[in-house]
Amino acid sequence: MSIHKHDFTGEIVSILDRNTKGKGEEILNKSEIIQYLNIKTKAANRGSKSRAGFANHYAIYVLVEDYLNGGFDKKSSYSDYDGAKFSDLFRRQRELPFGSKLQNHALNHRLNEEFKKYFPACEHLPIIRDAESNRYWINEKLIVTAGVNLAKSIKEIIEAYVKARQSAFSEFMAYCQEIIDIQEESPEKAIGFIKGLFRPNVDARVFEIASFAILKQHYADQRIYWGWSPEELIEESLVLYKTGRTNANDGGIDFVMKPLGRFFQVTETVDAGKYFLDIDKVQRYPITFVVKTNESAGEIVQKIAKQAEAKYQIKAIVKKYIESVEEVINIPRLMEIFEQVLSAGQGASVIEEIVLQSRVEFNVEAEEQDVLAFEKAESGATKKAT
């Protein structure tokens, strides 16, 4: 399989280089489990909407840690090992940063199923499990590549990924807190700060919150008249609703408008596959895409159409999907809308909405506790070292 390199790939290669005398690239190209970790660490340094998902990372981590604790990277007796107890592995997972609510699915089947999906030709699966004794092993055939034992590198790669995600989460919280604090100062400064949020590299959750606040106020000034007969018309303002947290698993629908029933999806990619997946989830119901890019709406639709033609080839199918894209709202369009909202004297309402939504995101108690616990552990380890 071709290896997609991203921001964190360099860190993976660096760790491998350090532990394998400069064979990082070679190992990455040969090892399925390293390639799997490369896939699973794509979100490390990006403003990803999804919060850190560590279930599969930690399933590998606790088994590799158990392997290293037994010194099996230095001796060839792992095949004689009785295996790790599930209760010990499960407890260890939950002690790790962001792991307090992890379930048993990854250890029992989910990791192996996903690994097989990515590497169908590979003869081995990461986890070996004896259901009768409830004992677990890491598959040693996957962690020894080109005569090199990768257990230490795998552990370090996952630890580096956790640190990167912890840093990204802290940065997101800082964004939210800054918005909350800045509202107490001049409105001009707050508005300037909000405009600064509309950049392609800004955290996707912050972008979604700011987009929602602006669009909600923009549509609130628009009214429609509807009813069951011409004599009985109701005047109603358009209201935009957020379907949940920015990481909600809601079938791809981020905002819903009442009473028109418009669907909005916020995205940071121009990937036809992703767009069509969202469209299929709602049975090709028209969707407005809010895209974190400076590319024009026309360019975005053209790219989608080109990818669709390459994928489906049948023009009728491509046409149906393209027709399901009701509107594309990019960063320049959002800025135009924001200027209109400001001209109407509604800037304060946008700030209030951003503050409200940021507080919802900011007060993620479980993750905050995990971050604090992680920082405390790091601090303790540093003090111990000194």
Protein backbone atom coordinates (compact mmCIF):
# COMPACT_ATOMS: atom_id res chain seq x y z
CA MET A 1 0.00 0.00 0.00
CA SER A 2 1.19 3.54 -0.71
CA ILE A 3 2.26 5.44 2.39
CA HIS A 4 0.56 8.78 2.92
CA LYS A 5 2.95 11.11 4.71
CA HIS A 6 1.63 13.83 6.99
CA ASP A 7 2.95 16.20 9.63
CA PHE A 8 3.55 13.49 12.24
CA THR A 9 5.26 11.06 9.83
CA GLY A 10 8.53 12.94 10.31
CA GLU A 11 8.31 12.31 14.07
CA ILE A 12 7.71 8.59 13.45
CA VAL A 13 10.74 8.36 11.15
CA SER A 14 12.84 10.35 13.64
CA ILE A 15 11.98 7.92 16.48
CA LEU A 16 12.73 4.95 14.23
CA ASP A 17 16.02 6.51 13.10
CA ARG A 18 17.06 7.00 16.72
CA ASN A 19 16.32 3.39 17.66
CA THR A 20 17.39 1.61 14.45
CA LYS A 21 20.60 3.43 13.48
CA GLY A 22 19.01 5.51 10.72
CA LYS A 23 16.74 2.87 9.21
CA GLY A 24 13.56 4.89 9.80
CA GLU A 25 12.38 5.22 6.20
CA GLU A 26 13.22 1.60 5.45
CA ILE A 27 11.24 0.38 8.48
CA LEU A 28 8.29 2.62 7.63
CA ASN A 29 8.19 1.12 4.14
CA LYS A 30 8.41 -2.47 5.38
CA SER A 31 6.45 -2.61 8.65
CA GLU A 32 2.66 -2.88 8.55
CA ILE A 33 2.25 -1.96 12.22
CA ILE A 34 4.36 1.20 11.78
CA GLN A 35 2.34 2.07 8.69
CA TYR A 36 -0.84 1.51 10.72
CA LEU A 37 0.43 3.90 13.41
CA ASN A 38 1.26 6.39 10.65
CA ILE A 39 -2.39 6.23 9.55
CA LYS A 40 -3.64 6.52 13.14
CA THR A 41 -1.49 9.54 14.00
CA LYS A 42 -2.58 11.73 11.10
CA ALA A 43 -4.49 14.05 13.45
CA ALA A 44 -1.53 14.72 15.77
CA ASN A 45 -0.58 18.23 14.66
CA ARG A 46 -3.72 19.30 12.83
CA GLY A 47 -6.69 21.30 13.99
CA SER A 48 -8.80 18.19 13.81
CA LYS A 49 -12.48 18.40 14.69
CA SER A 50 -12.48 15.02 16.32
CA ARG A 51 -11.11 14.74 19.81
CA ALA A 52 -8.26 12.38 20.37
CA GLY A 53 -9.37 8.78 19.93
CA PHE A 54 -6.85 6.53 21.67
CA ALA A 55 -8.60 3.16 21.92
CA ASN A 56 -6.61 1.35 19.23
CA HIS A 57 -3.38 3.20 20.03
CA TYR A 58 -3.64 2.17 23.65
CA ALA A 59 -4.54 -1.44 22.87
CA ILE A 60 -1.18 -1.67 21.09
CA TYR A 61 0.56 0.42 23.73
CA VAL A 62 -0.39 -1.66 26.79
CA LEU A 63 0.55 -4.93 25.06
CA VAL A 64 3.88 -3.54 23.83
CA GLU A 65 4.53 -2.13 27.30
CA ASP A 66 3.80 -5.54 28.83
CA TYR A 67 6.16 -7.08 26.25
CA LEU A 68 8.95 -4.63 27.16
CA ASN A 69 8.36 -5.03 30.89
CA GLY A 70 8.95 -8.75 30.42
CA GLY A 71 12.21 -8.00 28.63
CA PHE A 72 11.07 -9.97 25.59
CA ASP A 73 12.72 -7.49 23.23
CA LYS A 74 16.04 -8.79 24.58
CA LYS A 75 15.25 -12.51 24.68
CA SER A 76 13.52 -15.04 22.45
CA SER A 77 11.09 -16.62 24.92
CA TYR A 78 7.87 -14.68 24.22
CA SER A 79 6.25 -17.80 22.76
CA ASP A 80 6.52 -19.37 26.24
CA TYR A 81 4.87 -16.38 27.97
CA ASP A 82 1.50 -17.02 29.64
CA GLY A 83 0.14 -13.75 28.24
CA ALA A 84 -1.14 -10.58 29.86
CA LYS A 85 -4.33 -10.63 31.91
CA PHE A 86 -7.20 -8.64 30.45
CA SER A 87 -7.90 -6.95 33.81
CA ASP A 88 -4.30 -5.67 33.98
CA LEU A 89 -4.35 -4.37 30.42
CA PHE A 90 -7.74 -2.72 30.85
CA ARG A 91 -6.70 -1.03 34.09
CA ARG A 92 -3.48 0.21 32.51
CA GLN A 93 -5.37 1.68 29.52
CA ARG A 94 -7.54 3.70 31.85
CA GLU A 95 -4.53 5.06 33.73
CA LEU A 96 -3.16 6.65 30.56
CA PRO A 97 -3.90 10.25 29.45
CA PHE A 98 -7.38 10.53 27.87
CA GLY A 99 -7.96 6.86 28.66
CA SER A 100 -10.28 7.06 31.66
CA LYS A 101 -13.39 6.12 29.68
CA LEU A 102 -11.96 3.56 27.27
CA GLN A 103 -13.91 0.34 26.78
CA ASN A 104 -12.71 -3.18 25.96
CA HIS A 105 -13.65 -3.17 22.26
CA ALA A 106 -10.20 -2.36 20.88
CA LEU A 107 -8.49 -5.13 22.82
CA ASN A 108 -11.15 -7.69 21.98
CA HIS A 109 -11.73 -7.16 18.27
CA ARG A 110 -11.85 -3.60 16.96
CA LEU A 111 -8.11 -3.08 16.52
CA ASN A 112 -7.68 -6.37 14.66
CA GLU A 113 -10.69 -5.64 12.44
CA GLU A 114 -9.44 -2.18 11.49
CA PHE A 115 -5.89 -3.41 10.93
CA LYS A 116 -7.18 -6.13 8.59
CA LYS A 117 -9.18 -3.51 6.68
CA TYR A 118 -6.01 -1.50 6.01
CA PHE A 119 -3.75 -4.51 5.41
CA PRO A 120 -5.91 -7.31 3.93
CA ALA A 121 -2.87 -9.09 2.47
CA CYS A 122 -1.02 -9.22 5.80
CA GLU A 123 -0.99 -12.70 7.34
CA HIS A 124 -0.82 -11.41 10.92
CA LEU A 125 -3.07 -9.38 13.26
CA PRO A 126 -1.68 -7.18 16.06
CA ILE A 127 -3.45 -8.89 18.97
CA ILE A 128 -3.39 -12.58 19.79
CA ARG A 129 -6.09 -13.53 22.26
CA ASP A 130 -6.97 -16.74 24.08
CA ALA A 131 -10.68 -16.33 24.84
CA GLU A 132 -10.73 -19.25 27.28
CA SER A 133 -8.00 -17.93 29.60
CA ASN A 134 -8.65 -14.26 28.69
CA ARG A 135 -4.94 -13.73 28.07
CA TYR A 136 -3.45 -11.42 25.44
CA TRP A 137 -0.22 -11.11 23.47
CA ILE A 138 1.12 -8.62 20.93
CA ASN A 139 1.92 -10.39 17.68
CA GLU A 140 5.71 -10.55 17.71
CA LYS A 141 5.82 -11.22 13.97
CA LEU A 142 4.55 -7.66 13.41
CA ILE A 143 6.93 -5.93 15.79
CA VAL A 144 10.09 -7.55 14.41
CA THR A 145 10.89 -6.17 10.95
CA ALA A 146 14.11 -6.58 8.96
CA GLY A 147 15.71 -8.17 12.02
CA VAL A 148 14.90 -5.13 14.18
CA ASN A 149 12.65 -5.30 17.25
CA LEU A 150 10.33 -2.28 17.08
CA ALA A 151 8.65 -2.59 20.49
CA LYS A 152 10.51 0.37 22.01
CA SER A 153 9.90 2.53 18.93
CA ILE A 154 6.18 1.67 18.89
CA LYS A 155 5.85 2.69 22.54
CA GLU A 156 7.70 5.96 21.92
CA ILE A 157 5.65 6.76 18.78
CA ILE A 158 2.38 6.40 20.68
CA GLU A 159 3.72 8.46 23.60
CA ALA A 160 4.79 11.22 21.18
CA TYR A 161 1.35 11.16 19.55
CA VAL A 162 -0.37 11.49 22.93
CA LYS A 163 1.83 14.49 23.78
CA ALA A 164 1.03 16.12 20.43
CA ARG A 165 -2.72 15.62 20.93
CA GLN A 166 -2.52 16.90 24.49
CA SER A 167 -0.78 19.99 23.19
CA ALA A 168 -3.43 20.47 20.47
CA PHE A 169 -6.22 20.16 23.04
CA SER A 170 -4.54 22.68 25.35
CA GLU A 171 -4.19 25.07 22.39
CA PHE A 172 -7.88 24.70 21.62
CA MET A 173 -8.80 25.47 25.23
CA ALA A 174 -6.54 28.52 25.10
CA TYR A 175 -8.36 29.73 21.96
CA CYS A 176 -11.70 29.38 23.70
CA GLN A 177 -10.49 31.09 26.86
CA GLU A 178 -9.05 33.97 24.84
CA ILE A 179 -12.41 34.54 23.15
CA ILE A 180 -14.13 34.47 26.54
CA ASP A 181 -11.64 36.92 28.08
CA ILE A 182 -11.47 39.31 25.13
CA GLN A 183 -15.21 40.02 25.16
CA GLU A 184 -14.66 42.09 28.30
CA GLU A 185 -12.42 44.45 26.35
CA SER A 186 -13.35 46.64 23.39
CA PRO A 187 -15.78 45.23 20.78
CA GLU A 188 -13.33 46.26 18.05
CA LYS A 189 -10.62 44.06 19.51
CA ALA A 190 -13.04 41.13 19.84
CA ILE A 191 -14.17 41.54 16.22
CA GLY A 192 -10.54 41.69 15.07
CA PHE A 193 -9.83 38.51 16.99
CA ILE A 194 -12.83 36.75 15.42
CA LYS A 195 -11.69 37.73 11.92
CA GLY A 196 -8.36 36.15 12.76
CA LEU A 197 -10.11 32.81 13.36
CA PHE A 198 -10.93 32.47 9.66
CA ARG A 199 -7.68 30.98 8.46
CA PRO A 200 -7.14 27.62 6.74
CA ASN A 201 -4.83 26.45 9.55
CA VAL A 202 -7.04 27.39 12.52
CA ASP A 203 -8.39 24.63 14.78
CA ALA A 204 -11.37 23.13 12.97
CA ARG A 205 -13.55 23.21 16.08
CA VAL A 206 -12.89 26.92 16.57
CA PHE A 207 -13.66 27.49 12.89
CA GLU A 208 -16.94 25.60 13.23
CA ILE A 209 -17.98 27.60 16.32
CA ALA A 210 -17.18 30.95 14.68
CA SER A 211 -18.91 29.92 11.43
CA PHE A 212 -22.03 28.88 13.32
CA ALA A 213 -22.17 32.15 15.27
CA ILE A 214 -21.89 34.27 12.12
CA LEU A 215 -24.31 32.22 10.02
CA LYS A 216 -26.85 32.02 12.83
CA GLN A 217 -26.97 35.80 13.11
CA HIS A 218 -26.95 36.23 9.32
CA TYR A 219 -29.99 34.00 8.83
CA ALA A 220 -31.80 35.39 11.88
CA ASP A 221 -32.30 38.65 9.98
CA GLN A 222 -34.08 36.79 7.16
CA ARG A 223 -37.78 36.04 7.34
CA ILE A 224 -40.06 33.81 5.34
CA TYR A 225 -43.83 33.58 5.07
CA TRP A 226 -45.40 30.15 4.97
CA GLY A 227 -48.64 28.43 5.77
CA TRP A 228 -51.29 25.93 4.71
CA SER A 229 -53.17 28.49 2.63
CA PRO A 230 -52.50 31.97 1.15
CA GLU A 231 -54.90 33.44 3.73
CA GLU A 232 -53.09 31.93 6.72
CA LEU A 233 -49.43 32.79 6.34
CA ILE A 234 -46.98 32.74 9.25
CA GLU A 235 -44.01 35.11 9.40
CA GLU A 236 -40.97 33.33 10.78
CA SER A 237 -37.26 34.12 11.09
CA LEU A 238 -34.74 31.57 9.89
CA VAL A 239 -33.11 29.86 12.87
CA LEU A 240 -29.87 27.90 12.70
CA TYR A 241 -29.39 25.08 15.21
CA LYS A 242 -26.18 23.31 16.12
CA THR A 243 -26.72 19.56 16.27
CA GLY A 244 -24.33 18.99 19.17
CA ARG A 245 -20.69 19.26 20.08
CA THR A 246 -18.25 19.81 17.24
CA ASN A 247 -17.14 16.18 17.56
CA ALA A 248 -20.70 14.81 17.50
CA ASN A 249 -21.26 11.59 15.60
CA ASP A 250 -24.42 12.93 13.97
CA GLY A 251 -24.33 11.53 10.47
CA GLY A 252 -22.39 14.44 9.04
CA ILE A 253 -24.89 17.19 9.85
CA ASP A 254 -23.39 20.04 11.87
CA PHE A 255 -26.15 22.66 11.59
CA VAL A 256 -29.84 22.45 10.75
CA MET A 257 -32.01 25.40 9.72
CA LYS A 258 -35.63 25.82 10.72
CA PRO A 259 -38.17 26.13 9.09
CA LEU A 260 -36.49 25.52 5.70
CA GLY A 261 -34.87 22.29 6.79
CA ARG A 262 -31.47 23.12 5.29
CA PHE A 263 -28.53 20.95 6.31
CA PHE A 264 -25.03 22.33 6.83
CA GLN A 265 -21.79 20.38 7.04
CA VAL A 266 -18.53 22.04 8.13
CA THR A 267 -15.44 20.51 6.57
CA GLU A 268 -11.77 21.22 6.06
CA THR A 269 -11.24 19.05 3.01
CA VAL A 270 -12.02 19.17 -0.68
CA ASP A 271 -12.44 15.42 -0.96
CA ALA A 272 -15.30 14.14 -3.09
CA GLY A 273 -15.36 10.85 -1.20
CA LYS A 274 -15.94 12.69 2.09
CA TYR A 275 -18.63 14.94 0.58
CA PHE A 276 -20.47 12.05 -1.02
CA LEU A 277 -20.32 10.04 2.20
CA ASP A 278 -22.10 12.92 3.96
CA ILE A 279 -24.61 13.21 1.12
CA ASP A 280 -25.30 9.46 1.17
CA LYS A 281 -25.91 9.57 4.93
CA VAL A 282 -28.92 11.82 4.31
CA GLN A 283 -30.00 9.99 1.14
CA ARG A 284 -28.75 12.74 -1.17
CA TYR A 285 -30.71 15.44 0.61
CA PRO A 286 -29.19 18.80 -0.42
CA ILE A 287 -26.36 19.93 1.87
CA THR A 288 -24.63 23.29 2.22
CA PHE A 289 -20.90 22.80 2.80
CA VAL A 290 -18.99 25.33 4.91
CA VAL A 291 -15.40 24.78 3.83
CA LYS A 292 -12.29 25.95 5.68
CA THR A 293 -10.50 27.20 2.57
CA ASN A 294 -9.85 30.36 0.58
CA GLU A 295 -10.53 28.57 -2.70
CA SER A 296 -13.57 29.88 -4.57
CA ALA A 297 -16.88 28.02 -4.43
CA GLY A 298 -16.58 27.37 -8.17
CA GLU A 299 -13.13 25.84 -7.80
CA ILE A 300 -14.33 23.62 -4.96
CA VAL A 301 -17.34 22.34 -6.93
CA GLN A 302 -15.11 21.82 -9.99
CA LYS A 303 -12.66 19.76 -7.92
CA ILE A 304 -15.50 17.69 -6.47
CA ALA A 305 -16.93 17.08 -9.95
CA LYS A 306 -13.51 16.07 -11.32
CA GLN A 307 -12.93 13.59 -8.49
CA ALA A 308 -16.48 12.28 -8.89
CA GLU A 309 -16.00 11.69 -12.61
CA ALA A 310 -12.78 9.78 -11.94
CA LYS A 311 -14.47 7.66 -9.28
CA TYR A 312 -17.92 6.96 -10.73
CA GLN A 313 -17.42 7.62 -14.49
CA ILE A 314 -21.20 7.51 -15.03
CA LYS A 315 -22.31 11.10 -15.73
CA ALA A 316 -25.84 10.59 -14.40
CA ILE A 317 -24.48 9.49 -11.00
CA VAL A 318 -22.02 12.37 -10.86
CA LYS A 319 -24.80 14.82 -11.74
CA LYS A 320 -27.02 13.56 -8.89
CA TYR A 321 -24.25 14.03 -6.35
CA ILE A 322 -23.26 17.48 -7.60
CA GLU A 323 -26.91 18.57 -7.49
CA SER A 324 -26.95 17.58 -3.82
CA VAL A 325 -24.40 20.30 -3.06
CA GLU A 326 -26.86 23.12 -2.35
CA GLU A 327 -24.25 25.79 -1.66
CA VAL A 328 -20.56 26.11 -0.83
CA ILE A 329 -19.59 28.72 1.73
CA ASN A 330 -15.84 29.34 1.88
CA ILE A 331 -13.74 31.64 4.12
CA PRO A 332 -14.07 34.75 1.88
CA ARG A 333 -17.86 34.31 1.78
CA LEU A 334 -17.97 33.95 5.57
CA MET A 335 -16.00 37.19 5.89
CA GLU A 336 -18.48 38.94 3.56
CA ILE A 337 -21.37 37.69 5.67
CA PHE A 338 -19.61 38.80 8.86
CA GLU A 339 -19.14 42.30 7.43
CA GLN A 340 -22.88 42.42 6.63
CA VAL A 341 -23.70 41.33 10.17
CA LEU A 342 -21.36 44.01 11.58
CA SER A 343 -22.95 46.66 9.35
CA ALA A 344 -26.33 45.68 10.78
CA GLY A 345 -24.98 46.32 14.27
CA GLN A 346 -25.13 42.65 15.29
CA GLY A 347 -21.45 42.09 16.08
CA ALA A 348 -22.14 41.76 19.82
CA SER A 349 -24.59 38.92 19.18
CA VAL A 350 -21.93 37.02 17.23
CA ILE A 351 -19.44 37.47 20.07
CA GLU A 352 -22.01 36.28 22.63
CA GLU A 353 -22.76 33.17 20.56
CA ILE A 354 -19.06 32.34 20.14
CA VAL A 355 -18.57 32.73 23.89
CA LEU A 356 -21.57 30.50 24.59
CA GLN A 357 -20.46 27.75 22.19
CA SER A 358 -16.84 28.03 23.34
CA ARG A 359 -17.92 27.49 26.94
CA VAL A 360 -19.72 24.32 25.86
CA GLU A 361 -16.53 23.09 24.21
CA PHE A 362 -14.22 24.48 26.88
CA ASN A 363 -15.96 22.74 29.76
CA VAL A 364 -15.19 19.22 28.66
CA GLU A 365 -14.60 18.08 32.23
CA ALA A 366 -13.38 14.55 31.60
CA GLU A 367 -10.78 15.67 29.06
CA GLU A 368 -9.71 18.62 31.18
CA GLN A 369 -9.15 16.24 34.10
CA ASP A 370 -7.15 13.92 31.87
CA VAL A 371 -5.03 16.82 30.63
CA LEU A 372 -4.40 17.99 34.20
CA ALA A 373 -3.54 14.46 35.27
CA PHE A 374 -1.18 14.13 32.30
CA GLU A 375 0.52 17.45 33.07
CA LYS A 376 0.81 16.52 36.75
CA ALA A 377 2.38 13.17 35.87
CA GLU A 378 4.78 14.88 33.46
CA SER A 379 5.70 17.44 36.11
CA GLY A 380 6.26 14.69 38.68
CA ALA A 381 8.44 12.74 36.28
CA THR A 382 10.53 15.86 35.55
CA LYS A 383 11.03 16.61 39.25
CA LYS A 384 12.02 13.00 39.85
CA ALA A 385 14.55 13.15 37.01
CA THR A 386 16.14 16.28 38.44
